[in-house]
Amino acid sequence: MKLRLYHHRDGARIAYREAGVGPSLCLVHSAALSHREFAPAVEHLADRFRLVLPDLPLHGDSEDRPRHPYTLDWLAEVMTAFCRETCGPHPLVGGHGAGAEILLRAVVTGQLSPARLVLMPNRLHRPPRRSRLPVPLRAIAPAAALPGLDRIASHAARLAYRPEQGMKLTARGNPAARDLLRHATDDIGGNANLARSWSRWVRRWPAGAQTQLLEAYPRLEAPVLLLWADRDPYHPLAGAEEALDLLPDAQLRVLPGTGFLIAYDDPVGVARELTAFCL
């Protein structure tokens, strides 16, 4: 995959990879991971699509400076501009976890007008069932904002978020998930800027239920695919079923035997559903 950079108007940098030919399809990963979350499905999609896989700000090779607000609205603004620049005014887009929530905020606020929208497991309008991040990592996030503690917090975060936890995010115990987490934490230790920026993200990310989405769903004009896992402990199927009843043009597809890392449990199934919906 080719590495490219997008520069936002406020100086934020988004690194992204692209592969394949065909209609552009942008897939946005979840929090504390990277574009590699979709790596298992690339070979099954690159012959049908020009895949665009960005690293969200604070992830992978993208922006990590603490001068940006890192609010949900700022992230939605940046990713909207990114999608338009790399995939056109009405792109095919999909997201998982935080990536899905960022895209959904961009769509409901009228910033992004996708041709089709794929929402993989995320909170939607419900409160978080439980946090995916380890307790030590959540505990040290506030301390990372304090001068002198930011570097210490960065080393502690890397120890708390160990590669072995990747296998626990899959329903089938895929050992390749360890490499996903290893890559996601490679640059954390000693990176004070990243620690301070992550602290800002954690403190400003909406913690409760996004109930305003219940009123916004009926206004969404783009076709929506809810592509869900049946064994994800963080994002129950009930939320997707509730959204399905309110979205005017939506379908729900459930991949059996899949957990949080849906593309690591069933890359062929993910590619099959994306292709059927987007082409």
Protein backbone atom coordinates (compact mmCIF):
# COMPACT_ATOMS: atom_id res chain seq x y z
CA MET A 1 0.00 0.00 0.00
CA LYS A 2 1.22 3.49 -0.84
CA LEU A 3 1.71 5.97 2.02
CA ARG A 4 0.39 9.48 1.37
CA LEU A 5 -0.25 12.61 3.45
CA TYR A 6 -3.19 14.99 3.63
CA HIS A 7 -2.66 18.42 5.20
CA HIS A 8 -5.72 20.07 6.76
CA ARG A 9 -6.11 23.84 6.63
CA ASP A 10 -5.23 24.19 10.34
CA GLY A 11 -1.99 22.26 9.90
CA ALA A 12 -3.19 18.86 11.06
CA ARG A 13 -1.61 16.01 9.13
CA ILE A 14 -3.43 12.82 8.16
CA ALA A 15 -1.38 9.87 6.95
CA TYR A 16 -3.21 7.38 4.79
CA ARG A 17 -2.59 4.32 2.67
CA GLU A 18 -4.23 3.46 -0.60
CA ALA A 19 -4.39 0.31 -2.65
CA GLY A 20 -6.34 -1.08 -5.57
CA VAL A 21 -8.32 0.45 -8.41
CA GLY A 22 -11.98 1.23 -8.87
CA PRO A 23 -14.44 3.42 -6.94
CA SER A 24 -12.82 5.04 -3.90
CA LEU A 25 -13.81 3.52 -0.54
CA CYS A 26 -12.56 5.13 2.67
CA LEU A 27 -12.53 3.01 5.85
CA VAL A 28 -11.83 4.69 9.20
CA HIS A 29 -10.52 2.62 12.10
CA SER A 30 -11.43 2.67 15.80
CA ALA A 31 -9.71 4.43 18.70
CA ALA A 32 -6.25 3.30 19.84
CA LEU A 33 -5.68 1.28 16.66
CA SER A 34 -4.58 2.29 13.14
CA HIS A 35 -5.32 1.76 9.46
CA ARG A 36 -4.02 -1.79 9.95
CA GLU A 37 -7.34 -2.69 11.55
CA PHE A 38 -8.61 -3.33 8.01
CA ALA A 39 -5.44 -4.99 6.70
CA PRO A 40 -6.92 -8.54 6.62
CA ALA A 41 -9.66 -7.40 4.22
CA VAL A 42 -7.42 -5.44 1.82
CA GLU A 43 -6.63 -8.37 -0.48
CA HIS A 44 -10.35 -9.12 -0.79
CA LEU A 45 -11.29 -5.51 -1.63
CA ALA A 46 -8.39 -4.09 -3.65
CA ASP A 47 -9.54 -5.75 -6.87
CA ARG A 48 -12.91 -3.94 -6.65
CA PHE A 49 -12.09 -0.62 -4.97
CA ARG A 50 -9.45 2.04 -4.59
CA LEU A 51 -9.13 1.58 -0.85
CA VAL A 52 -8.26 4.64 1.23
CA LEU A 53 -7.22 3.79 4.80
CA PRO A 54 -6.39 6.83 6.98
CA ASP A 55 -4.81 6.95 10.40
CA LEU A 56 -7.00 9.12 12.62
CA PRO A 57 -5.29 12.04 14.36
CA LEU A 58 -3.21 10.72 17.32
CA HIS A 59 -2.93 7.34 15.59
CA GLY A 60 -0.31 5.73 13.41
CA ASP A 61 1.64 8.30 11.39
CA SER A 62 -0.94 11.09 11.69
CA GLU A 63 -1.03 14.33 13.69
CA ASP A 64 -0.14 14.16 17.39
CA ARG A 65 0.62 17.76 18.40
CA PRO A 66 -1.33 19.01 21.46
CA ARG A 67 -2.28 22.35 19.89
CA HIS A 68 -5.46 20.96 18.33
CA PRO A 69 -8.76 20.61 20.25
CA TYR A 70 -9.35 16.88 19.51
CA THR A 71 -13.08 17.25 20.10
CA LEU A 72 -15.59 15.09 18.24
CA ASP A 73 -16.63 18.12 16.17
CA TRP A 74 -13.02 18.93 15.24
CA LEU A 75 -12.37 15.33 14.25
CA ALA A 76 -15.55 15.32 12.16
CA GLU A 77 -14.42 18.50 10.40
CA VAL A 78 -10.95 17.13 9.65
CA MET A 79 -12.18 13.76 8.42
CA THR A 80 -14.87 15.40 6.27
CA ALA A 81 -12.24 17.51 4.51
CA PHE A 82 -10.01 14.46 4.19
CA CYS A 83 -12.76 12.33 2.61
CA ARG A 84 -13.67 15.05 0.13
CA GLU A 85 -10.04 15.63 -0.84
CA THR A 86 -9.17 11.96 -1.32
CA CYS A 87 -12.47 10.40 -2.41
CA GLY A 88 -14.60 13.17 -3.89
CA PRO A 89 -17.64 15.20 -2.77
CA HIS A 90 -19.93 12.18 -2.25
CA PRO A 91 -17.62 9.38 -1.12
CA LEU A 92 -18.20 5.79 -0.14
CA VAL A 93 -17.22 5.75 3.53
CA GLY A 94 -17.24 3.32 6.41
CA GLY A 95 -16.04 3.38 9.98
CA HIS A 96 -15.68 1.24 13.06
CA GLY A 97 -15.87 2.28 16.71
CA ALA A 98 -14.66 5.86 17.11
CA GLY A 99 -14.15 6.09 13.35
CA ALA A 100 -17.82 5.32 12.78
CA GLU A 101 -18.88 7.86 15.41
CA ILE A 102 -16.76 10.56 13.78
CA LEU A 103 -18.25 9.87 10.35
CA LEU A 104 -21.76 9.75 11.79
CA ARG A 105 -21.26 13.16 13.46
CA ALA A 106 -20.03 14.57 10.15
CA VAL A 107 -23.11 13.25 8.34
CA VAL A 108 -25.77 14.32 10.85
CA THR A 109 -24.28 17.83 11.07
CA GLY A 110 -24.43 18.19 7.30
CA GLN A 111 -20.69 18.41 6.73
CA LEU A 112 -20.35 15.10 4.88
CA SER A 113 -22.73 13.82 2.19
CA PRO A 114 -21.63 10.27 1.41
CA ALA A 115 -22.98 8.26 -1.46
CA ARG A 116 -23.15 5.32 0.96
CA LEU A 117 -22.32 5.01 4.65
CA VAL A 118 -21.15 1.83 6.40
CA LEU A 119 -21.34 1.76 10.19
CA MET A 120 -19.51 -1.11 11.83
CA PRO A 121 -19.93 -1.77 15.57
CA ASN A 122 -19.96 1.45 17.61
CA ARG A 123 -22.00 3.08 20.39
CA LEU A 124 -24.52 4.78 18.06
CA HIS A 125 -27.07 6.47 20.35
CA ARG A 126 -26.43 4.27 23.39
CA PRO A 127 -24.19 4.90 26.39
CA PRO A 128 -20.92 2.96 26.42
CA ARG A 129 -21.51 -0.55 27.71
CA ARG A 130 -17.92 -0.73 28.96
CA SER A 131 -14.58 0.73 27.96
CA ARG A 132 -12.26 -1.20 25.67
CA LEU A 133 -9.21 0.57 27.13
CA PRO A 134 -7.56 -1.04 30.18
CA VAL A 135 -8.32 0.54 33.56
CA PRO A 136 -4.69 1.70 34.10
CA LEU A 137 -4.74 3.49 30.76
CA ARG A 138 -7.97 5.32 31.61
CA ALA A 139 -6.61 6.24 35.05
CA ILE A 140 -3.40 7.83 33.78
CA ALA A 141 -5.04 9.87 31.00
CA PRO A 142 -5.73 12.95 33.19
CA ALA A 143 -2.18 12.90 34.54
CA ALA A 144 -0.79 13.05 31.01
CA ALA A 145 -1.96 16.66 30.75
CA LEU A 146 0.35 17.77 33.57
CA PRO A 147 3.88 18.99 32.75
CA GLY A 148 6.46 16.52 33.95
CA LEU A 149 4.01 13.63 34.06
CA ASP A 150 3.30 13.44 30.35
CA ARG A 151 6.40 11.43 29.50
CA ILE A 152 5.89 9.10 32.46
CA ALA A 153 2.27 8.59 31.43
CA SER A 154 3.33 7.69 27.90
CA HIS A 155 5.54 4.84 29.15
CA ALA A 156 2.80 3.65 31.52
CA ALA A 157 0.27 3.64 28.70
CA ARG A 158 2.45 1.39 26.58
CA LEU A 159 2.81 -1.06 29.47
CA ALA A 160 -0.95 -1.05 30.08
CA TYR A 161 -1.98 -1.54 26.45
CA ARG A 162 -0.01 -4.66 25.62
CA PRO A 163 -0.08 -6.51 22.28
CA GLU A 164 -1.40 -9.67 23.96
CA GLN A 165 -4.71 -7.90 24.51
CA GLY A 166 -5.27 -7.89 20.75
CA MET A 167 -6.28 -11.55 20.70
CA LYS A 168 -8.95 -10.80 23.31
CA LEU A 169 -10.55 -8.36 20.87
CA THR A 170 -11.25 -11.17 18.42
CA ALA A 171 -13.86 -13.88 18.85
CA ARG A 172 -11.60 -16.46 17.20
CA GLY A 173 -8.35 -15.64 19.00
CA ASN A 174 -6.57 -14.47 15.85
CA PRO A 175 -2.85 -14.16 16.79
CA ALA A 176 -2.32 -11.53 14.07
CA ALA A 177 -4.22 -9.08 16.29
CA ARG A 178 -1.14 -8.88 18.51
CA ASP A 179 0.75 -7.21 15.68
CA LEU A 180 -2.09 -4.73 15.26
CA LEU A 181 -1.75 -3.56 18.86
CA ARG A 182 2.05 -3.69 18.69
CA HIS A 183 1.99 -1.32 15.73
CA ALA A 184 -0.54 0.95 17.46
CA THR A 185 1.71 1.36 20.53
CA ASP A 186 5.12 1.52 18.83
CA ASP A 187 5.52 5.29 19.17
CA ILE A 188 3.80 5.85 22.53
CA GLY A 189 6.67 5.39 24.98
CA GLY A 190 8.44 8.69 25.68
CA ASN A 191 6.21 10.73 23.36
CA ALA A 192 5.13 13.59 25.63
CA ASN A 193 3.25 15.41 22.85
CA LEU A 194 1.20 12.33 22.11
CA ALA A 195 0.46 11.78 25.80
CA ARG A 196 -0.83 15.35 26.24
CA SER A 197 -2.89 15.14 23.07
CA TRP A 198 -4.42 11.79 24.08
CA SER A 199 -5.30 13.26 27.45
CA ARG A 200 -7.19 16.02 25.67
CA TRP A 201 -9.04 13.50 23.45
CA VAL A 202 -10.07 11.34 26.42
CA ARG A 203 -11.31 14.33 28.44
CA ARG A 204 -13.30 15.81 25.54
CA TRP A 205 -14.74 12.68 23.95
CA PRO A 206 -18.51 12.40 24.69
CA ALA A 207 -18.89 10.01 27.60
CA GLY A 208 -22.64 9.50 27.72
CA ALA A 209 -25.38 8.41 25.36
CA GLN A 210 -25.67 10.43 22.16
CA THR A 211 -29.48 10.50 22.33
CA GLN A 212 -29.71 13.33 19.79
CA LEU A 213 -28.95 10.72 17.14
CA LEU A 214 -32.42 9.25 17.64
CA GLU A 215 -33.88 12.43 16.17
CA ALA A 216 -31.20 12.66 13.48
CA TYR A 217 -31.55 9.13 12.06
CA PRO A 218 -34.79 9.80 10.12
CA ARG A 219 -33.12 12.74 8.33
CA LEU A 220 -30.22 10.72 6.93
CA GLU A 221 -30.61 10.49 3.16
CA ALA A 222 -27.66 8.27 2.30
CA PRO A 223 -28.13 4.50 2.22
CA VAL A 224 -26.67 2.99 5.39
CA LEU A 225 -25.24 -0.45 6.03
CA LEU A 226 -25.08 -1.53 9.66
CA LEU A 227 -22.39 -4.23 9.51
CA TRP A 228 -22.37 -5.81 12.96
CA ALA A 229 -20.57 -8.52 14.91
CA ASP A 230 -22.58 -10.98 16.98
CA ARG A 231 -19.95 -11.47 19.71
CA ASP A 232 -18.72 -7.93 20.33
CA PRO A 233 -18.97 -7.32 24.11
CA TYR A 234 -18.73 -3.54 23.71
CA HIS A 235 -21.40 -2.87 21.07
CA PRO A 236 -24.54 -4.99 21.47
CA LEU A 237 -26.64 -5.82 18.44
CA ALA A 238 -29.67 -4.17 20.08
CA GLY A 239 -28.33 -0.70 19.31
CA ALA A 240 -28.06 -1.50 15.60
CA GLU A 241 -31.57 -2.96 15.58
CA GLU A 242 -32.96 0.22 17.19
CA ALA A 243 -31.16 2.42 14.64
CA LEU A 244 -32.41 0.23 11.78
CA ASP A 245 -36.01 1.00 12.71
CA LEU A 246 -35.37 4.77 12.47
CA LEU A 247 -33.07 5.04 9.45
CA PRO A 248 -35.05 5.64 6.22
CA ASP A 249 -32.75 3.62 3.94
CA ALA A 250 -30.76 1.04 5.87
CA GLN A 251 -29.97 -2.61 6.11
CA LEU A 252 -28.46 -4.68 8.90
CA ARG A 253 -26.01 -7.49 8.25
CA VAL A 254 -24.57 -9.57 11.08
CA LEU A 255 -21.40 -11.64 10.68
CA PRO A 256 -21.61 -14.73 12.90
CA GLY A 257 -18.69 -15.68 15.09
CA THR A 258 -17.10 -12.23 15.01
CA GLY A 259 -15.97 -9.96 17.84
CA PHE A 260 -14.73 -6.39 18.17
CA LEU A 261 -12.00 -6.84 15.51
CA ILE A 262 -14.54 -7.87 12.92
CA ALA A 263 -12.08 -7.73 10.01
CA TYR A 264 -9.66 -10.05 11.85
CA ASP A 265 -12.38 -12.60 12.58
CA ASP A 266 -13.98 -12.66 9.13
CA PRO A 267 -12.14 -10.59 6.49
CA VAL A 268 -13.89 -12.40 3.63
CA GLY A 269 -17.31 -11.67 5.15
CA VAL A 270 -16.46 -8.00 5.69
CA ALA A 271 -15.26 -7.66 2.11
CA ARG A 272 -18.30 -9.51 0.77
CA GLU A 273 -20.76 -7.24 2.58
CA LEU A 274 -18.90 -4.04 1.67
CA THR A 275 -18.77 -5.05 -1.98
CA ALA A 276 -22.44 -6.01 -2.15
CA PHE A 277 -23.50 -2.74 -0.54
CA CYS A 278 -21.13 -0.29 -2.23
CA LEU A 279 -21.14 -1.56 -5.82
